Amino acid sequence: MHARRLGDLVAERLGRLDARRRHRRTKHADPGIPQGIVSALNAGIARAQESPEVKTRLAELGAEPAGVSPEACAEFVRSEIAKWAPVVKASGATAD
């Protein structure tokens, strides 16, 4: 019942909203980490995702490797917060 109420709220308050389920694994680190370290970690993860073993395992899990830059990842997170913050606020949900 709660999920239906939330869906009604979204439709009523926000109209059409892209609420498709997405699985995006992101890596996060403290803001003070030097850019060189962030770049090296991102490059290492991208290389690992290209290995046959990782590709096979991801396929077994129904996932696809998708490398994105740290900047693109940050933009995605900002856009998701902007999109969903009004829904959470309107719902009255709180973190316990």
C-alpha atoms as a PDB file:
ATOM      1  CA  MET A   1       0.000   0.000   0.000  1.00  0.00           C
ATOM      2  CA  HIS A   2       2.797   2.442   0.874  1.00  0.00           C
ATOM      3  CA  ALA A   3       4.436   2.007  -2.538  1.00  0.00           C
ATOM      4  CA  ARG A   4       1.136   2.782  -4.225  1.00  0.00           C
ATOM      5  CA  ARG A   5       0.718   5.946  -2.199  1.00  0.00           C
ATOM      6  CA  LEU A   6       4.238   7.048  -3.106  1.00  0.00           C
ATOM      7  CA  GLY A   7       3.522   6.357  -6.779  1.00  0.00           C
ATOM      8  CA  ASP A   8       0.341   8.430  -6.537  1.00  0.00           C
ATOM      9  CA  LEU A   9       2.303  11.215  -4.881  1.00  0.00           C
ATOM     10  CA  VAL A  10       4.878  11.223  -7.653  1.00  0.00           C
ATOM     11  CA  ALA A  11       2.183  11.372 -10.326  1.00  0.00           C
ATOM     12  CA  GLU A  12       0.232  14.065  -8.510  1.00  0.00           C
ATOM     13  CA  ARG A  13       3.084  16.340  -7.471  1.00  0.00           C
ATOM     14  CA  LEU A  14       5.686  15.864 -10.137  1.00  0.00           C
ATOM     15  CA  GLY A  15       3.818  14.678 -13.198  1.00  0.00           C
ATOM     16  CA  ARG A  16       5.910  12.611 -15.565  1.00  0.00           C
ATOM     17  CA  LEU A  17       9.134  11.569 -13.896  1.00  0.00           C
ATOM     18  CA  ASP A  18      11.642   9.047 -15.138  1.00  0.00           C
ATOM     19  CA  ALA A  19      11.587   6.468 -12.352  1.00  0.00           C
ATOM     20  CA  ARG A  20      13.007   3.560 -14.313  1.00  0.00           C
ATOM     21  CA  ARG A  21      15.072   1.242 -12.216  1.00  0.00           C
ATOM     22  CA  ARG A  22      18.762   1.691 -12.852  1.00  0.00           C
ATOM     23  CA  HIS A  23      21.730  -0.134 -11.492  1.00  0.00           C
ATOM     24  CA  ARG A  24      24.742   2.053 -11.535  1.00  0.00           C
ATOM     25  CA  ARG A  25      27.671   1.156  -9.390  1.00  0.00           C
ATOM     26  CA  THR A  26      29.629   4.217  -8.468  1.00  0.00           C
ATOM     27  CA  LYS A  27      32.818   4.680  -6.548  1.00  0.00           C
ATOM     28  CA  HIS A  28      32.990   7.411  -3.949  1.00  0.00           C
ATOM     29  CA  ALA A  29      35.869   8.879  -2.028  1.00  0.00           C
ATOM     30  CA  ASP A  30      36.476  11.789   0.300  1.00  0.00           C
ATOM     31  CA  PRO A  31      36.531  15.150  -1.514  1.00  0.00           C
ATOM     32  CA  GLY A  32      40.105  15.864  -0.396  1.00  0.00           C
ATOM     33  CA  ILE A  33      41.724  12.970  -2.279  1.00  0.00           C
ATOM     34  CA  PRO A  34      44.211  14.301  -4.830  1.00  0.00           C
ATOM     35  CA  GLN A  35      43.023  14.217  -8.448  1.00  0.00           C
ATOM     36  CA  GLY A  36      46.000  12.062  -9.448  1.00  0.00           C
ATOM     37  CA  ILE A  37      44.879   9.302  -7.099  1.00  0.00           C
ATOM     38  CA  VAL A  38      41.275   9.555  -8.320  1.00  0.00           C
ATOM     39  CA  SER A  39      42.480   9.309 -11.934  1.00  0.00           C
ATOM     40  CA  ALA A  40      44.720   6.330 -11.166  1.00  0.00           C
ATOM     41  CA  LEU A  41      41.889   4.485  -9.383  1.00  0.00           C
ATOM     42  CA  ASN A  42      39.473   5.192 -12.223  1.00  0.00           C
ATOM     43  CA  ALA A  43      41.987   3.954 -14.811  1.00  0.00           C
ATOM     44  CA  GLY A  44      42.638   0.784 -12.797  1.00  0.00           C
ATOM     45  CA  ILE A  45      38.950   0.031 -12.478  1.00  0.00           C
ATOM     46  CA  ALA A  46      38.454   0.595 -16.210  1.00  0.00           C
ATOM     47  CA  ARG A  47      41.304  -1.828 -16.982  1.00  0.00           C
ATOM     48  CA  ALA A  48      39.877  -4.433 -14.609  1.00  0.00           C
ATOM     49  CA  GLN A  49      36.465  -4.169 -16.270  1.00  0.00           C
ATOM     50  CA  GLU A  50      38.067  -5.096 -19.584  1.00  0.00           C
ATOM     51  CA  SER A  51      39.551  -8.347 -18.276  1.00  0.00           C
ATOM     52  CA  PRO A  52      37.862 -11.531 -19.529  1.00  0.00           C
ATOM     53  CA  GLU A  53      37.355 -12.776 -15.964  1.00  0.00           C
ATOM     54  CA  VAL A  54      35.555  -9.631 -14.840  1.00  0.00           C
ATOM     55  CA  LYS A  55      33.476  -9.449 -18.016  1.00  0.00           C
ATOM     56  CA  THR A  56      32.435 -13.085 -17.549  1.00  0.00           C
ATOM     57  CA  ARG A  57      31.509 -12.594 -13.907  1.00  0.00           C
ATOM     58  CA  LEU A  58      29.559  -9.408 -14.622  1.00  0.00           C
ATOM     59  CA  ALA A  59      27.676 -11.213 -17.407  1.00  0.00           C
ATOM     60  CA  GLU A  60      26.824 -14.028 -14.958  1.00  0.00           C
ATOM     61  CA  LEU A  61      25.362 -11.383 -12.665  1.00  0.00           C
ATOM     62  CA  GLY A  62      23.424  -9.783 -15.514  1.00  0.00           C
ATOM     63  CA  ALA A  63      25.561  -6.655 -15.524  1.00  0.00           C
ATOM     64  CA  GLU A  64      27.647  -4.887 -18.113  1.00  0.00           C
ATOM     65  CA  PRO A  65      30.855  -2.996 -17.438  1.00  0.00           C
ATOM     66  CA  ALA A  66      30.341   0.703 -17.923  1.00  0.00           C
ATOM     67  CA  GLY A  67      33.224   2.983 -17.144  1.00  0.00           C
ATOM     68  CA  VAL A  68      32.512   6.634 -16.633  1.00  0.00           C
ATOM     69  CA  SER A  69      34.740   9.503 -15.684  1.00  0.00           C
ATOM     70  CA  PRO A  70      34.708  10.784 -12.114  1.00  0.00           C
ATOM     71  CA  GLU A  71      33.173  14.007 -13.443  1.00  0.00           C
ATOM     72  CA  ALA A  72      30.350  12.140 -15.206  1.00  0.00           C
ATOM     73  CA  CYS A  73      29.722  10.101 -12.070  1.00  0.00           C
ATOM     74  CA  ALA A  74      29.525  13.256  -9.940  1.00  0.00           C
ATOM     75  CA  GLU A  75      27.094  14.823 -12.411  1.00  0.00           C
ATOM     76  CA  PHE A  76      24.910  11.702 -12.326  1.00  0.00           C
ATOM     77  CA  VAL A  77      24.777  11.798  -8.514  1.00  0.00           C
ATOM     78  CA  ARG A  78      23.921  15.531  -8.529  1.00  0.00           C
ATOM     79  CA  SER A  79      21.133  14.982 -11.075  1.00  0.00           C
ATOM     80  CA  GLU A  80      19.662  12.065  -9.094  1.00  0.00           C
ATOM     81  CA  ILE A  81      19.666  14.122  -5.884  1.00  0.00           C
ATOM     82  CA  ALA A  82      17.954  17.018  -7.662  1.00  0.00           C
ATOM     83  CA  LYS A  83      15.385  14.669  -9.183  1.00  0.00           C
ATOM     84  CA  TRP A  84      14.516  12.650  -6.084  1.00  0.00           C
ATOM     85  CA  ALA A  85      14.896  15.207  -3.258  1.00  0.00           C
ATOM     86  CA  PRO A  86      11.429  16.694  -3.852  1.00  0.00           C
ATOM     87  CA  VAL A  87       9.864  13.220  -3.827  1.00  0.00           C
ATOM     88  CA  VAL A  88      11.532  12.290  -0.548  1.00  0.00           C
ATOM     89  CA  LYS A  89      10.680  15.643   1.021  1.00  0.00           C
ATOM     90  CA  ALA A  90       7.030  15.447  -0.100  1.00  0.00           C
ATOM     91  CA  SER A  91       6.754  11.894   1.223  1.00  0.00           C
ATOM     92  CA  GLY A  92       7.874  12.906   4.691  1.00  0.00           C
ATOM     93  CA  ALA A  93      10.402  10.065   4.752  1.00  0.00           C
ATOM     94  CA  THR A  94      13.232  10.366   7.238  1.00  0.00           C
ATOM     95  CA  ALA A  95      16.436   8.469   7.859  1.00  0.00           C
ATOM     96  CA  ASP A  96      16.278   6.633  11.164  1.00  0.00           C
END
